[in-house]
C-alpha atoms as a PDB file:
ATOM      1  CA  MET A   1      -0.024   0.082  -0.006  1.00  0.00           C
ATOM      2  CA  GLU A   2       2.888   2.415   0.858  1.00  0.00           C
ATOM      3  CA  ASP A   3       4.551   1.652  -2.528  1.00  0.00           C
ATOM      4  CA  VAL A   4       1.465   2.663  -4.360  1.00  0.00           C
ATOM      5  CA  LEU A   5       0.979   5.750  -2.337  1.00  0.00           C
ATOM      6  CA  GLN A   6       4.717   6.759  -3.001  1.00  0.00           C
ATOM      7  CA  LEU A   7       4.043   6.165  -6.650  1.00  0.00           C
ATOM      8  CA  ILE A   8       1.103   8.605  -6.679  1.00  0.00           C
ATOM      9  CA  ILE A   9       2.618  11.233  -4.343  1.00  0.00           C
ATOM     10  CA  ALA A  10       5.932  11.667  -6.142  1.00  0.00           C
ATOM     11  CA  PRO A  11       4.465  12.609  -9.605  1.00  0.00           C
ATOM     12  CA  LEU A  12       1.718  14.710  -7.842  1.00  0.00           C
ATOM     13  CA  ILE A  13       4.466  16.782  -5.904  1.00  0.00           C
ATOM     14  CA  VAL A  14       6.439  17.205  -9.243  1.00  0.00           C
ATOM     15  CA  PHE A  15       3.297  18.328 -10.986  1.00  0.00           C
ATOM     16  CA  MET A  16       2.289  20.751  -8.242  1.00  0.00           C
ATOM     17  CA  VAL A  17       5.823  22.347  -7.843  1.00  0.00           C
ATOM     18  CA  ILE A  18       6.910  22.505 -11.445  1.00  0.00           C
ATOM     19  CA  VAL A  19       4.080  21.923 -14.041  1.00  0.00           C
ATOM     20  CA  ALA A  20       1.200  23.706 -12.443  1.00  0.00           C
ATOM     21  CA  PRO A  21       2.846  27.117 -11.814  1.00  0.00           C
ATOM     22  CA  ILE A  22       4.203  27.178 -15.415  1.00  0.00           C
ATOM     23  CA  TRP A  23       0.770  26.182 -16.723  1.00  0.00           C
ATOM     24  CA  LEU A  24      -0.866  29.061 -14.773  1.00  0.00           C
ATOM     25  CA  VAL A  25       1.650  31.741 -15.888  1.00  0.00           C
ATOM     26  CA  LEU A  26       1.202  30.708 -19.550  1.00  0.00           C
ATOM     27  CA  HIS A  27      -2.539  30.624 -19.223  1.00  0.00           C
ATOM     28  CA  TYR A  28      -2.835  34.047 -17.736  1.00  0.00           C
ATOM     29  CA  ARG A  29      -0.197  35.467 -20.118  1.00  0.00           C
ATOM     30  CA  SER A  30      -2.435  34.342 -23.118  1.00  0.00           C
ATOM     31  CA  LYS A  31      -5.490  35.699 -21.439  1.00  0.00           C
ATOM     32  CA  ARG A  32      -3.726  39.141 -21.135  1.00  0.00           C
ATOM     33  CA  GLN A  33      -2.709  39.097 -24.715  1.00  0.00           C
ATOM     34  CA  VAL A  34      -6.297  38.261 -25.846  1.00  0.00           C
ATOM     35  CA  GLY A  35      -7.647  41.111 -23.774  1.00  0.00           C
ATOM     36  CA  GLN A  36      -5.347  43.750 -25.363  1.00  0.00           C
ATOM     37  CA  GLY A  37      -6.990  43.610 -28.708  1.00  0.00           C
ATOM     38  CA  LEU A  38      -5.451  44.201 -32.067  1.00  0.00           C
ATOM     39  CA  SER A  39      -2.033  45.574 -32.531  1.00  0.00           C
ATOM     40  CA  GLU A  40      -1.373  48.449 -34.750  1.00  0.00           C
ATOM     41  CA  THR A  41       0.012  46.229 -37.560  1.00  0.00           C
ATOM     42  CA  GLU A  42      -3.108  44.039 -37.267  1.00  0.00           C
ATOM     43  CA  ARG A  43      -5.360  47.026 -37.242  1.00  0.00           C
ATOM     44  CA  ALA A  44      -3.677  48.369 -40.455  1.00  0.00           C
ATOM     45  CA  GLN A  45      -4.085  44.941 -42.169  1.00  0.00           C
ATOM     46  CA  LEU A  46      -7.692  44.883 -41.180  1.00  0.00           C
ATOM     47  CA  VAL A  47      -8.255  48.354 -42.735  1.00  0.00           C
ATOM     48  CA  ALA A  48      -6.493  47.361 -45.886  1.00  0.00           C
ATOM     49  CA  LEU A  49      -8.482  44.200 -46.253  1.00  0.00           C
ATOM     50  CA  SER A  50     -11.671  46.106 -45.696  1.00  0.00           C
ATOM     51  CA  GLN A  51     -10.773  48.520 -48.486  1.00  0.00           C
ATOM     52  CA  THR A  52      -9.818  45.866 -50.764  1.00  0.00           C
ATOM     53  CA  ALA A  53     -13.183  44.096 -50.101  1.00  0.00           C
ATOM     54  CA  GLU A  54     -14.996  47.349 -50.955  1.00  0.00           C
ATOM     55  CA  LYS A  55     -13.251  47.745 -54.153  1.00  0.00           C
ATOM     56  CA  MET A  56     -13.964  44.153 -55.149  1.00  0.00           C
ATOM     57  CA  ALA A  57     -17.608  44.657 -54.272  1.00  0.00           C
ATOM     58  CA  GLU A  58     -17.779  47.750 -56.491  1.00  0.00           C
ATOM     59  CA  ARG A  59     -16.049  45.800 -59.371  1.00  0.00           C
ATOM     60  CA  ILE A  60     -18.463  42.918 -59.159  1.00  0.00           C
ATOM     61  CA  ALA A  61     -21.409  45.277 -59.214  1.00  0.00           C
ATOM     62  CA  THR A  62     -20.179  46.966 -62.345  1.00  0.00           C
ATOM     63  CA  LEU A  63     -19.413  43.584 -64.043  1.00  0.00           C
ATOM     64  CA  GLU A  64     -22.963  42.454 -63.152  1.00  0.00           C
ATOM     65  CA  ARG A  65     -24.383  45.611 -64.585  1.00  0.00           C
ATOM     66  CA  LEU A  66     -22.452  45.270 -67.795  1.00  0.00           C
ATOM     67  CA  LEU A  67     -23.475  41.514 -68.050  1.00  0.00           C
ATOM     68  CA  ASP A  68     -27.060  42.586 -67.510  1.00  0.00           C
ATOM     69  CA  GLU A  69     -26.797  45.017 -70.333  1.00  0.00           C
ATOM     70  CA  GLU A  70     -25.083  42.650 -72.671  1.00  0.00           C
ATOM     71  CA  SER A  71     -26.713  39.437 -71.877  1.00  0.00           C
ATOM     72  CA  PRO A  72     -29.799  39.657 -69.739  1.00  0.00           C
ATOM     73  CA  GLN A  73     -30.215  35.860 -69.243  1.00  0.00           C
ATOM     74  CA  TRP A  74     -26.664  35.373 -67.852  1.00  0.00           C
ATOM     75  CA  ARG A  75     -27.927  34.794 -64.288  1.00  0.00           C
ATOM     76  CA  ASN A  76     -30.285  31.961 -65.488  1.00  0.00           C
ATOM     77  CA  LYS A  77     -27.349  30.041 -67.026  1.00  0.00           C
ATOM     78  CA  ALA A  78     -25.447  29.412 -63.854  1.00  0.00           C
END
């Protein structure tokens, strides 16, 4: 019985002294990073992607308008 207890206690002590503190530090560090929001670089990339998406939407609308004028049934063919 004592052998089994020692086999359980030794890894438990190692876990509580070494693994658990490192785990907690890494967990709360990642929580803090998530709470900070977007960095300036990420924000700039988001703005650039948004502008690109708006331009693409305008181009698609123009293409659809041209197709409607030249071939009114193009939507039914797809």
